[in-house]
Amino acid sequence: MATKLPATQARLFKNIFVCRHCKAKLRTDPRKVLEKKVRCRKCLKKAFRPIKKK
């Protein structure tokens, strides 16, 4: 069974965003995502969403 350790949760979900177009994962600061300063590595778009917790 999976345990919910704070270190594990931080590693898997903190500061990770997913591109809305190509579904690539990117780890960056949330403030930069809100200000549209970050681009996707694959498709060069600026639309991101937070990663979903299972």
PDB file of N, CA and C in Angstrom:
ATOM      1  N   MET A   1       0.829  -1.188   0.000  1.00  0.00           N
ATOM      2  CA  MET A   1       0.000   0.000   0.000  1.00  0.00           C
ATOM      3  C   MET A   1       0.869   1.245   0.000  1.00  0.00           C
ATOM      4  N   ALA A   2       0.359   2.265  -0.610  1.00  0.00           N
ATOM      5  CA  ALA A   2       1.105   3.510  -0.692  1.00  0.00           C
ATOM      6  C   ALA A   2       0.911   4.324   0.578  1.00  0.00           C
ATOM      7  N   THR A   3       2.004   4.850   1.075  1.00  0.00           N
ATOM      8  CA  THR A   3       1.924   5.723   2.232  1.00  0.00           C
ATOM      9  C   THR A   3       2.054   7.158   1.761  1.00  0.00           C
ATOM     10  N   LYS A   4       1.449   8.048   2.497  1.00  0.00           N
ATOM     11  CA  LYS A   4       1.469   9.459   2.113  1.00  0.00           C
ATOM     12  C   LYS A   4       2.481  10.213   2.970  1.00  0.00           C
ATOM     13  N   LEU A   5       3.729   9.998   2.660  1.00  0.00           N
ATOM     14  CA  LEU A   5       4.789  10.707   3.353  1.00  0.00           C
ATOM     15  C   LEU A   5       4.925  12.103   2.765  1.00  0.00           C
ATOM     16  N   PRO A   6       5.156  13.107   3.604  1.00  0.00           N
ATOM     17  CA  PRO A   6       5.281  14.474   3.090  1.00  0.00           C
ATOM     18  C   PRO A   6       6.400  14.637   2.062  1.00  0.00           C
ATOM     19  N   ALA A   7       7.507  13.955   2.252  1.00  0.00           N
ATOM     20  CA  ALA A   7       8.614  14.070   1.298  1.00  0.00           C
ATOM     21  C   ALA A   7       8.225  13.486  -0.059  1.00  0.00           C
ATOM     22  N   THR A   8       7.492  12.390  -0.038  1.00  0.00           N
ATOM     23  CA  THR A   8       7.053  11.763  -1.282  1.00  0.00           C
ATOM     24  C   THR A   8       6.039  12.640  -2.001  1.00  0.00           C
ATOM     25  N   GLN A   9       5.094  13.180  -1.261  1.00  0.00           N
ATOM     26  CA  GLN A   9       4.079  14.052  -1.858  1.00  0.00           C
ATOM     27  C   GLN A   9       4.713  15.293  -2.468  1.00  0.00           C
ATOM     28  N   ALA A  10       5.697  15.854  -1.797  1.00  0.00           N
ATOM     29  CA  ALA A  10       6.375  17.045  -2.323  1.00  0.00           C
ATOM     30  C   ALA A  10       7.125  16.725  -3.605  1.00  0.00           C
ATOM     31  N   ARG A  11       7.782  15.570  -3.645  1.00  0.00           N
ATOM     32  CA  ARG A  11       8.550  15.195  -4.833  1.00  0.00           C
ATOM     33  C   ARG A  11       7.639  14.941  -6.030  1.00  0.00           C
ATOM     34  N   LEU A  12       6.484  14.343  -5.805  1.00  0.00           N
ATOM     35  CA  LEU A  12       5.597  13.972  -6.905  1.00  0.00           C
ATOM     36  C   LEU A  12       4.713  15.110  -7.396  1.00  0.00           C
ATOM     37  N   PHE A  13       4.323  16.035  -6.520  1.00  0.00           N
ATOM     38  CA  PHE A  13       3.305  17.005  -6.900  1.00  0.00           C
ATOM     39  C   PHE A  13       3.694  18.466  -6.764  1.00  0.00           C
ATOM     40  N   LYS A  14       4.747  18.787  -6.031  1.00  0.00           N
ATOM     41  CA  LYS A  14       5.081  20.186  -5.795  1.00  0.00           C
ATOM     42  C   LYS A  14       5.790  20.779  -7.016  1.00  0.00           C
ATOM     43  N   ASN A  15       5.296  21.895  -7.503  1.00  0.00           N
ATOM     44  CA  ASN A  15       5.893  22.655  -8.604  1.00  0.00           C
ATOM     45  C   ASN A  15       5.948  21.884  -9.919  1.00  0.00           C
ATOM     46  N   ILE A  16       5.046  20.927 -10.131  1.00  0.00           N
ATOM     47  CA  ILE A  16       5.013  20.188 -11.395  1.00  0.00           C
ATOM     48  C   ILE A  16       3.749  20.580 -12.143  1.00  0.00           C
ATOM     49  N   PHE A  17       3.924  20.944 -13.396  1.00  0.00           N
ATOM     50  CA  PHE A  17       2.808  21.363 -14.240  1.00  0.00           C
ATOM     51  C   PHE A  17       2.812  20.550 -15.526  1.00  0.00           C
ATOM     52  N   VAL A  18       1.636  20.443 -16.150  1.00  0.00           N
ATOM     53  CA  VAL A  18       1.470  19.663 -17.368  1.00  0.00           C
ATOM     54  C   VAL A  18       0.992  20.593 -18.471  1.00  0.00           C
ATOM     55  N   CYS A  19       1.593  20.463 -19.647  1.00  0.00           N
ATOM     56  CA  CYS A  19       1.188  21.267 -20.801  1.00  0.00           C
ATOM     57  C   CYS A  19      -0.212  20.834 -21.232  1.00  0.00           C
ATOM     58  N   ARG A  20      -1.065  21.783 -21.497  1.00  0.00           N
ATOM     59  CA  ARG A  20      -2.436  21.469 -21.901  1.00  0.00           C
ATOM     60  C   ARG A  20      -2.515  20.956 -23.338  1.00  0.00           C
ATOM     61  N   HIS A  21      -1.486  21.166 -24.127  1.00  0.00           N
ATOM     62  CA  HIS A  21      -1.526  20.776 -25.536  1.00  0.00           C
ATOM     63  C   HIS A  21      -0.857  19.429 -25.782  1.00  0.00           C
ATOM     64  N   CYS A  22       0.377  19.255 -25.297  1.00  0.00           N
ATOM     65  CA  CYS A  22       1.120  18.030 -25.606  1.00  0.00           C
ATOM     66  C   CYS A  22       1.311  17.120 -24.396  1.00  0.00           C
ATOM     67  N   LYS A  23       0.815  17.509 -23.226  1.00  0.00           N
ATOM     68  CA  LYS A  23       0.857  16.697 -22.003  1.00  0.00           C
ATOM     69  C   LYS A  23       2.266  16.459 -21.466  1.00  0.00           C
ATOM     70  N   ALA A  24       3.203  17.333 -21.782  1.00  0.00           N
ATOM     71  CA  ALA A  24       4.559  17.216 -21.250  1.00  0.00           C
ATOM     72  C   ALA A  24       4.597  17.762 -19.824  1.00  0.00           C
ATOM     73  N   LYS A  25       5.384  17.117 -18.953  1.00  0.00           N
ATOM     74  CA  LYS A  25       5.513  17.561 -17.573  1.00  0.00           C
ATOM     75  C   LYS A  25       6.709  18.498 -17.441  1.00  0.00           C
ATOM     76  N   LEU A  26       6.537  19.513 -16.588  1.00  0.00           N
ATOM     77  CA  LEU A  26       7.574  20.516 -16.394  1.00  0.00           C
ATOM     78  C   LEU A  26       7.584  20.920 -14.930  1.00  0.00           C
ATOM     79  N   ARG A  27       8.768  20.985 -14.331  1.00  0.00           N
ATOM     80  CA  ARG A  27       8.877  21.431 -12.945  1.00  0.00           C
ATOM     81  C   ARG A  27       9.355  22.877 -12.951  1.00  0.00           C
ATOM     82  N   THR A  28       8.526  23.766 -12.404  1.00  0.00           N
ATOM     83  CA  THR A  28       8.870  25.183 -12.378  1.00  0.00           C
ATOM     84  C   THR A  28       8.098  25.871 -11.262  1.00  0.00           C
ATOM     85  N   ASP A  29       8.412  27.120 -11.048  1.00  0.00           N
ATOM     86  CA  ASP A  29       7.777  27.925 -10.016  1.00  0.00           C
ATOM     87  C   ASP A  29       6.347  28.294 -10.431  1.00  0.00           C
ATOM     88  N   PRO A  30       5.353  28.142  -9.565  1.00  0.00           N
ATOM     89  CA  PRO A  30       3.970  28.481  -9.930  1.00  0.00           C
ATOM     90  C   PRO A  30       3.784  29.945 -10.329  1.00  0.00           C
ATOM     91  N   ARG A  31       4.565  30.834  -9.767  1.00  0.00           N
ATOM     92  CA  ARG A  31       4.439  32.254 -10.103  1.00  0.00           C
ATOM     93  C   ARG A  31       4.804  32.498 -11.567  1.00  0.00           C
ATOM     94  N   LYS A  32       5.824  31.795 -12.049  1.00  0.00           N
ATOM     95  CA  LYS A  32       6.221  31.944 -13.445  1.00  0.00           C
ATOM     96  C   LYS A  32       5.146  31.416 -14.384  1.00  0.00           C
ATOM     97  N   VAL A  33       4.461  30.357 -13.982  1.00  0.00           N
ATOM     98  CA  VAL A  33       3.378  29.804 -14.810  1.00  0.00           C
ATOM     99  C   VAL A  33       2.229  30.803 -14.889  1.00  0.00           C
ATOM    100  N   LEU A  34       1.884  31.420 -13.775  1.00  0.00           N
ATOM    101  CA  LEU A  34       0.789  32.389 -13.759  1.00  0.00           C
ATOM    102  C   LEU A  34       1.118  33.627 -14.581  1.00  0.00           C
ATOM    103  N   GLU A  35       2.376  34.017 -14.586  1.00  0.00           N
ATOM    104  CA  GLU A  35       2.800  35.196 -15.341  1.00  0.00           C
ATOM    105  C   GLU A  35       3.117  34.879 -16.801  1.00  0.00           C
ATOM    106  N   LYS A  36       2.940  33.617 -17.220  1.00  0.00           N
ATOM    107  CA  LYS A  36       3.182  33.161 -18.599  1.00  0.00           C
ATOM    108  C   LYS A  36       4.624  33.374 -19.038  1.00  0.00           C
ATOM    109  N   LYS A  37       5.571  33.172 -18.126  1.00  0.00           N
ATOM    110  CA  LYS A  37       6.980  33.329 -18.452  1.00  0.00           C
ATOM    111  C   LYS A  37       7.639  32.007 -18.834  1.00  0.00           C
ATOM    112  N   VAL A  38       6.887  30.903 -18.719  1.00  0.00           N
ATOM    113  CA  VAL A  38       7.433  29.576 -18.974  1.00  0.00           C
ATOM    114  C   VAL A  38       6.811  29.020 -20.251  1.00  0.00           C
ATOM    115  N   ARG A  39       7.658  28.404 -21.090  1.00  0.00           N
ATOM    116  CA  ARG A  39       7.177  27.756 -22.312  1.00  0.00           C
ATOM    117  C   ARG A  39       7.420  26.261 -22.228  1.00  0.00           C
ATOM    118  N   CYS A  40       6.596  25.514 -22.921  1.00  0.00           N
ATOM    119  CA  CYS A  40       6.747  24.061 -22.993  1.00  0.00           C
ATOM    120  C   CYS A  40       7.978  23.731 -23.831  1.00  0.00           C
ATOM    121  N   ARG A  41       8.694  22.688 -23.435  1.00  0.00           N
ATOM    122  CA  ARG A  41       9.889  22.274 -24.172  1.00  0.00           C
ATOM    123  C   ARG A  41       9.543  21.676 -25.522  1.00  0.00           C
ATOM    124  N   LYS A  42       8.404  20.991 -25.611  1.00  0.00           N
ATOM    125  CA  LYS A  42       8.040  20.294 -26.844  1.00  0.00           C
ATOM    126  C   LYS A  42       7.324  21.190 -27.843  1.00  0.00           C
ATOM    127  N   CYS A  43       6.240  21.846 -27.400  1.00  0.00           N
ATOM    128  CA  CYS A  43       5.385  22.564 -28.357  1.00  0.00           C
ATOM    129  C   CYS A  43       5.500  24.085 -28.257  1.00  0.00           C
ATOM    130  N   LEU A  44       6.261  24.596 -27.297  1.00  0.00           N
ATOM    131  CA  LEU A  44       6.517  26.027 -27.112  1.00  0.00           C
ATOM    132  C   LEU A  44       5.268  26.841 -26.771  1.00  0.00           C
ATOM    133  N   LYS A  45       4.225  26.203 -26.253  1.00  0.00           N
ATOM    134  CA  LYS A  45       3.027  26.922 -25.810  1.00  0.00           C
ATOM    135  C   LYS A  45       3.210  27.340 -24.354  1.00  0.00           C
ATOM    136  N   LYS A  46       2.316  28.205 -23.877  1.00  0.00           N
ATOM    137  CA  LYS A  46       2.422  28.717 -22.507  1.00  0.00           C
ATOM    138  C   LYS A  46       1.226  28.326 -21.637  1.00  0.00           C
ATOM    139  N   ALA A  47       0.468  27.331 -22.044  1.00  0.00           N
ATOM    140  CA  ALA A  47      -0.714  26.909 -21.300  1.00  0.00           C
ATOM    141  C   ALA A  47      -0.377  25.682 -20.451  1.00  0.00           C
ATOM    142  N   PHE A  48      -0.442  25.829 -19.132  1.00  0.00           N
ATOM    143  CA  PHE A  48      -0.128  24.747 -18.208  1.00  0.00           C
ATOM    144  C   PHE A  48      -1.245  24.580 -17.199  1.00  0.00           C
ATOM    145  N   ARG A  49      -1.306  23.371 -16.616  1.00  0.00           N
ATOM    146  CA  ARG A  49      -2.219  23.080 -15.520  1.00  0.00           C
ATOM    147  C   ARG A  49      -1.410  22.312 -14.459  1.00  0.00           C
ATOM    148  N   PRO A  50      -1.850  22.359 -13.205  1.00  0.00           N
ATOM    149  CA  PRO A  50      -1.153  21.570 -12.187  1.00  0.00           C
ATOM    150  C   PRO A  50      -1.370  20.079 -12.446  1.00  0.00           C
ATOM    151  N   ILE A  51      -0.432  19.263 -11.994  1.00  0.00           N
ATOM    152  CA  ILE A  51      -0.563  17.824 -12.165  1.00  0.00           C
ATOM    153  C   ILE A  51      -1.673  17.326 -11.243  1.00  0.00           C
ATOM    154  N   LYS A  52      -2.449  16.352 -11.688  1.00  0.00           N
ATOM    155  CA  LYS A  52      -3.566  15.818 -10.900  1.00  0.00           C
ATOM    156  C   LYS A  52      -3.057  14.790  -9.912  1.00  0.00           C
ATOM    157  N   LYS A  53      -3.577  14.861  -8.693  1.00  0.00           N
ATOM    158  CA  LYS A  53      -3.254  13.861  -7.686  1.00  0.00           C
ATOM    159  C   LYS A  53      -4.171  12.668  -7.864  1.00  0.00           C
ATOM    160  N   LYS A  54      -3.631  11.503  -7.726  1.00  0.00           N
ATOM    161  CA  LYS A  54      -4.414  10.280  -7.949  1.00  0.00           C
ATOM    162  C   LYS A  54      -5.297   9.966  -6.775  1.00  0.00           C
TER     163      LYS A  54
END
